[in-house]
């Protein structure tokens, strides 16, 4: 007879410019796991910190190792040695999640990448667009850039409380430079857990989702109709459905 595993912990990483508020409301939508949203360097509670992939991975590692040791998990997480840990990230958070899984291929019970399946090495034009935007930031200034970009987010229907302030813009150049240099589909080749690749139908960063799926041992592709790159904010029920699938996979009985 199989043994039911402990209650899963779902660690959530937000996208560029966003902070843990991106995941507001998901605890109710994903009730069978304890959710632990984390701010990346330079975002939210970590405003003012410089961004680097190493620092971002250290934040994730502390949460994952703390849970596995039964000492972490945050408020309401419950702890417990050996509990399944899932890692999900959107956009920048997705690329950080993929990098973490690459370095720790057997540590996770499931991995969810949302809007993070473009391989920059294959798309010079896309890289040029993002790098060009990042280069504008020091010239225009974070406050003015936030004013313009957040106006677009409001027109897309984002709630006021979900729209980021200027904080995250300050580290956007460093964050995107890290993604361009490091993100590759091949990072997922040795990852042992199920990998859920989630993207909006109109998400420019799902361009290589097929290549990412081919790189995985156990890939599950979920494309959300009529959604953009901002699916976690505009299509919460559909993104939550993919997260619940990942939780179900992580919580399956073990022999």
Protein backbone atom coordinates (compact mmCIF):
# COMPACT_ATOMS: atom_id res chain seq x y z
CA UNK A 1 0.00 0.00 0.00
CA UNK A 2 1.24 3.48 -0.88
CA UNK A 3 1.94 6.15 1.67
CA UNK A 4 0.37 9.57 1.20
CA UNK A 5 3.01 12.29 1.26
CA UNK A 6 2.88 15.35 3.53
CA UNK A 7 1.00 18.46 2.45
CA UNK A 8 2.89 20.06 -0.47
CA UNK A 9 4.56 23.45 -0.35
CA UNK A 10 4.19 25.59 -3.47
CA UNK A 11 6.90 28.26 -3.75
CA UNK A 12 5.87 31.09 -6.08
CA UNK A 13 8.18 33.54 -7.86
CA UNK A 14 6.76 36.68 -9.52
CA UNK A 15 7.73 38.23 -12.81
CA UNK A 16 9.91 41.23 -13.59
CA UNK A 17 8.80 44.41 -11.77
CA UNK A 18 6.19 42.49 -9.77
CA UNK A 19 6.35 41.30 -6.18
CA UNK A 20 4.54 38.76 -4.03
CA UNK A 21 1.24 40.60 -4.56
CA UNK A 22 1.13 38.98 -7.99
CA UNK A 23 -0.03 35.81 -6.22
CA UNK A 24 -2.78 37.39 -4.12
CA UNK A 25 -5.88 35.20 -4.20
CA UNK A 26 -4.09 32.03 -5.27
CA UNK A 27 -4.24 30.43 -1.82
CA UNK A 28 -8.00 30.10 -2.25
CA UNK A 29 -7.64 28.84 -5.82
CA UNK A 30 -5.00 26.21 -4.92
CA UNK A 31 -6.31 24.91 -1.58
CA UNK A 32 -4.42 21.61 -1.44
CA UNK A 33 -0.98 23.15 -0.95
CA UNK A 34 0.64 25.71 1.31
CA UNK A 35 1.69 28.69 -0.78
CA UNK A 36 4.90 30.62 -0.19
CA UNK A 37 5.37 33.65 -2.49
CA UNK A 38 8.90 35.08 -2.51
CA UNK A 39 10.23 38.45 -3.60
CA UNK A 40 13.24 38.38 -5.91
CA UNK A 41 16.19 40.75 -5.35
CA UNK A 42 15.26 44.37 -5.99
CA UNK A 43 11.52 43.69 -5.79
CA UNK A 44 8.93 44.21 -3.06
CA UNK A 45 10.35 43.49 0.38
CA UNK A 46 13.83 43.29 -1.18
CA UNK A 47 13.68 46.75 -2.77
CA UNK A 48 17.09 48.35 -3.09
CA UNK A 49 18.97 45.07 -3.35
CA UNK A 50 20.95 44.59 -6.57
CA UNK A 51 19.77 41.76 -8.80
CA UNK A 52 21.85 38.70 -9.59
CA UNK A 53 20.90 35.16 -10.48
CA UNK A 54 23.04 33.86 -7.62
CA UNK A 55 21.17 35.96 -5.08
CA UNK A 56 17.82 34.95 -6.54
CA UNK A 57 18.76 31.27 -6.38
CA UNK A 58 19.93 31.66 -2.79
CA UNK A 59 16.48 33.00 -1.83
CA UNK A 60 14.79 30.02 -3.45
CA UNK A 61 17.24 27.55 -1.97
CA UNK A 62 16.65 28.83 1.55
CA UNK A 63 12.90 28.27 1.15
CA UNK A 64 13.26 24.82 -0.39
CA UNK A 65 15.87 23.57 2.05
CA UNK A 66 13.98 25.01 5.00
CA UNK A 67 10.86 23.12 4.03
CA UNK A 68 12.68 19.84 3.42
CA UNK A 69 14.32 20.18 6.82
CA UNK A 70 10.99 20.89 8.48
CA UNK A 71 12.11 24.37 9.58
CA UNK A 72 10.76 26.63 6.86
CA UNK A 73 7.67 27.32 4.82
CA UNK A 74 6.55 30.65 6.14
CA UNK A 75 3.30 31.55 7.87
CA UNK A 76 0.80 28.73 7.75
CA UNK A 77 3.08 26.45 5.77
CA UNK A 78 3.26 23.67 8.31
CA UNK A 79 6.79 22.34 7.78
CA UNK A 80 7.58 18.65 7.97
CA UNK A 81 10.65 16.74 6.86
CA UNK A 82 10.34 15.29 3.38
CA UNK A 83 7.27 17.29 2.35
CA UNK A 84 6.93 17.74 -1.43
CA UNK A 85 8.14 21.12 -2.66
CA UNK A 86 6.90 22.61 -5.91
CA UNK A 87 8.48 25.63 -7.54
CA UNK A 88 6.49 27.89 -9.87
CA UNK A 89 7.58 31.12 -11.47
CA UNK A 90 6.23 33.68 -13.92
CA UNK A 91 8.45 35.39 -16.50
CA UNK A 92 11.68 36.32 -14.68
CA UNK A 93 10.54 34.09 -11.81
CA UNK A 94 10.08 31.24 -14.26
CA UNK A 95 13.60 31.57 -15.56
CA UNK A 96 14.91 31.62 -11.99
CA UNK A 97 12.85 28.51 -11.25
CA UNK A 98 14.29 26.74 -14.29
CA UNK A 99 17.82 27.69 -13.23
CA UNK A 100 17.16 26.33 -9.74
CA UNK A 101 15.81 23.05 -11.11
CA UNK A 102 18.84 22.80 -13.37
CA UNK A 103 21.17 23.04 -10.38
CA UNK A 104 19.02 20.78 -8.17
CA UNK A 105 17.44 18.33 -10.64
CA UNK A 106 16.06 15.96 -7.98
CA UNK A 107 15.04 18.45 -5.27
CA UNK A 108 11.56 19.35 -6.51
CA UNK A 109 8.29 17.42 -6.69
CA UNK A 110 7.10 19.55 -9.63
CA UNK A 111 8.20 22.61 -11.59
CA UNK A 112 5.86 25.16 -13.21
CA UNK A 113 7.17 27.71 -15.71
CA UNK A 114 4.66 30.41 -16.68
CA UNK A 115 5.54 32.68 -19.57
CA UNK A 116 9.17 31.57 -19.44
CA UNK A 117 9.70 29.34 -22.46
CA UNK A 118 11.61 31.56 -24.87
CA UNK A 119 15.26 30.64 -25.43
CA UNK A 120 17.06 33.99 -25.95
CA UNK A 121 19.94 32.36 -27.81
CA UNK A 122 17.55 31.56 -30.67
CA UNK A 123 15.91 34.96 -31.10
CA UNK A 124 18.24 37.96 -31.63
CA UNK A 125 15.32 40.24 -32.57
CA UNK A 126 13.47 39.45 -29.35
CA UNK A 127 16.64 39.99 -27.32
CA UNK A 128 17.21 43.32 -29.07
CA UNK A 129 13.70 44.44 -28.13
CA UNK A 130 14.10 43.59 -24.46
CA UNK A 131 17.65 44.88 -24.19
CA UNK A 132 16.58 48.10 -25.88
CA UNK A 133 13.82 48.60 -23.33
CA UNK A 134 16.24 47.92 -20.49
CA UNK A 135 18.72 50.46 -21.86
CA UNK A 136 16.03 53.12 -21.85
CA UNK A 137 15.44 52.73 -18.13
CA UNK A 138 18.51 54.61 -16.84
CA UNK A 139 17.77 57.37 -19.36
CA UNK A 140 14.04 57.74 -18.76
CA UNK A 141 14.17 56.88 -15.06
CA UNK A 142 12.30 54.21 -13.15
CA UNK A 143 9.51 56.51 -12.00
CA UNK A 144 8.66 57.81 -15.47
CA UNK A 145 8.93 54.36 -17.02
CA UNK A 146 6.61 52.95 -14.37
CA UNK A 147 4.09 55.71 -15.08
CA UNK A 148 3.97 54.83 -18.78
CA UNK A 149 4.13 51.04 -18.49
CA UNK A 150 1.65 50.87 -15.65
CA UNK A 151 -0.79 52.90 -17.70
CA UNK A 152 -0.73 50.04 -20.19
CA UNK A 153 -1.34 47.54 -17.39
CA UNK A 154 -4.38 49.50 -16.23
CA UNK A 155 -5.82 49.47 -19.73
CA UNK A 156 -5.38 45.71 -19.75
CA UNK A 157 -7.65 45.54 -16.74
CA UNK A 158 -5.18 44.84 -13.92
CA UNK A 159 -6.42 45.71 -10.46
CA UNK A 160 -4.72 48.73 -8.91
CA UNK A 161 -3.28 46.68 -6.03
CA UNK A 162 -1.55 44.30 -8.47
CA UNK A 163 0.22 47.00 -10.50
CA UNK A 164 3.89 47.35 -9.49
CA UNK A 165 5.46 50.58 -8.38
CA UNK A 166 8.77 51.82 -9.75
CA UNK A 167 10.84 49.64 -7.42
CA UNK A 168 11.34 46.66 -9.69
CA UNK A 169 12.21 48.76 -12.72
CA UNK A 170 15.54 49.71 -11.16
CA UNK A 171 16.87 46.15 -11.45
CA UNK A 172 15.19 45.27 -14.76
CA UNK A 173 18.36 45.77 -16.87
CA UNK A 174 20.40 43.42 -14.68
CA UNK A 175 17.58 40.87 -14.44
CA UNK A 176 16.98 40.74 -18.18
CA UNK A 177 20.68 40.64 -18.94
CA UNK A 178 20.92 37.55 -16.73
CA UNK A 179 18.03 35.88 -18.55
CA UNK A 180 19.54 36.61 -21.95
CA UNK A 181 22.90 35.21 -20.91
CA UNK A 182 21.75 32.15 -19.00
CA UNK A 183 18.26 30.93 -19.98
CA UNK A 184 18.28 27.85 -22.22
CA UNK A 185 15.77 25.05 -22.81
CA UNK A 186 18.57 22.54 -22.23
CA UNK A 187 18.60 23.48 -18.54
CA UNK A 188 15.65 21.13 -18.08
CA UNK A 189 17.18 17.95 -19.51
CA UNK A 190 18.16 16.42 -16.17
CA UNK A 191 15.17 17.64 -14.15
CA UNK A 192 13.53 14.55 -12.69
CA UNK A 193 10.12 15.94 -11.69
CA UNK A 194 7.08 16.74 -13.86
CA UNK A 195 7.48 20.10 -15.58
CA UNK A 196 4.39 22.15 -16.40
CA UNK A 197 4.95 24.68 -19.18
CA UNK A 198 2.21 27.30 -19.04
CA UNK A 199 1.72 30.29 -21.33
CA UNK A 200 -0.93 32.59 -22.69
CA UNK A 201 -1.97 32.12 -26.29
CA UNK A 202 -0.56 35.55 -27.16
CA UNK A 203 2.51 35.39 -24.92
CA UNK A 204 5.62 36.35 -26.84
CA UNK A 205 7.72 34.32 -24.41
CA UNK A 206 6.05 31.00 -25.32
CA UNK A 207 7.83 31.02 -28.66
CA UNK A 208 9.98 27.98 -27.77
CA UNK A 209 7.49 26.08 -25.64
CA UNK A 210 7.79 23.03 -27.91
CA UNK A 211 11.57 23.04 -27.59
CA UNK A 212 11.29 23.32 -23.81
CA UNK A 213 8.83 20.40 -23.78
CA UNK A 214 11.23 18.27 -25.81
CA UNK A 215 14.01 19.01 -23.32
CA UNK A 216 11.94 17.73 -20.37
CA UNK A 217 11.66 14.14 -19.21
CA UNK A 218 8.03 14.66 -18.18
CA UNK A 219 6.52 17.76 -19.81
CA UNK A 220 2.95 19.03 -19.56
CA UNK A 221 2.11 21.94 -21.89
CA UNK A 222 -0.81 24.20 -21.03
CA UNK A 223 -1.66 27.14 -23.32
CA UNK A 224 -4.34 29.51 -22.00
CA UNK A 225 -6.66 30.79 -24.73
CA UNK A 226 -6.82 34.56 -25.26
CA UNK A 227 -4.26 35.21 -22.53
CA UNK A 228 -1.10 37.30 -22.84
CA UNK A 229 2.19 37.26 -20.98
CA UNK A 230 0.29 38.57 -17.95
CA UNK A 231 -1.83 35.43 -17.57
CA UNK A 232 -1.20 35.01 -13.80
CA UNK A 233 -2.83 38.42 -13.29
CA UNK A 234 -5.52 38.40 -15.98
CA UNK A 235 -6.44 34.69 -16.08
CA UNK A 236 -6.05 33.55 -12.50
CA UNK A 237 -8.52 30.59 -12.64
CA UNK A 238 -6.75 29.06 -15.65
CA UNK A 239 -3.26 29.53 -14.19
CA UNK A 240 -4.50 28.15 -10.86
CA UNK A 241 -5.86 25.08 -12.68
CA UNK A 242 -2.36 24.34 -13.97
CA UNK A 243 -0.93 24.85 -10.50
CA UNK A 244 -3.49 22.43 -9.07
CA UNK A 245 -2.44 19.86 -11.67
CA UNK A 246 1.15 20.24 -10.52
CA UNK A 247 0.10 19.90 -6.87
CA UNK A 248 -1.84 16.75 -7.68
CA UNK A 249 1.23 15.29 -9.42
CA UNK A 250 3.43 16.20 -6.45
CA UNK A 251 1.02 14.79 -3.88
CA UNK A 252 0.54 11.37 -5.44
CA UNK A 253 1.13 8.44 -3.08
CA UNK A 254 4.64 7.06 -2.96
CA UNK A 255 5.46 3.38 -2.51
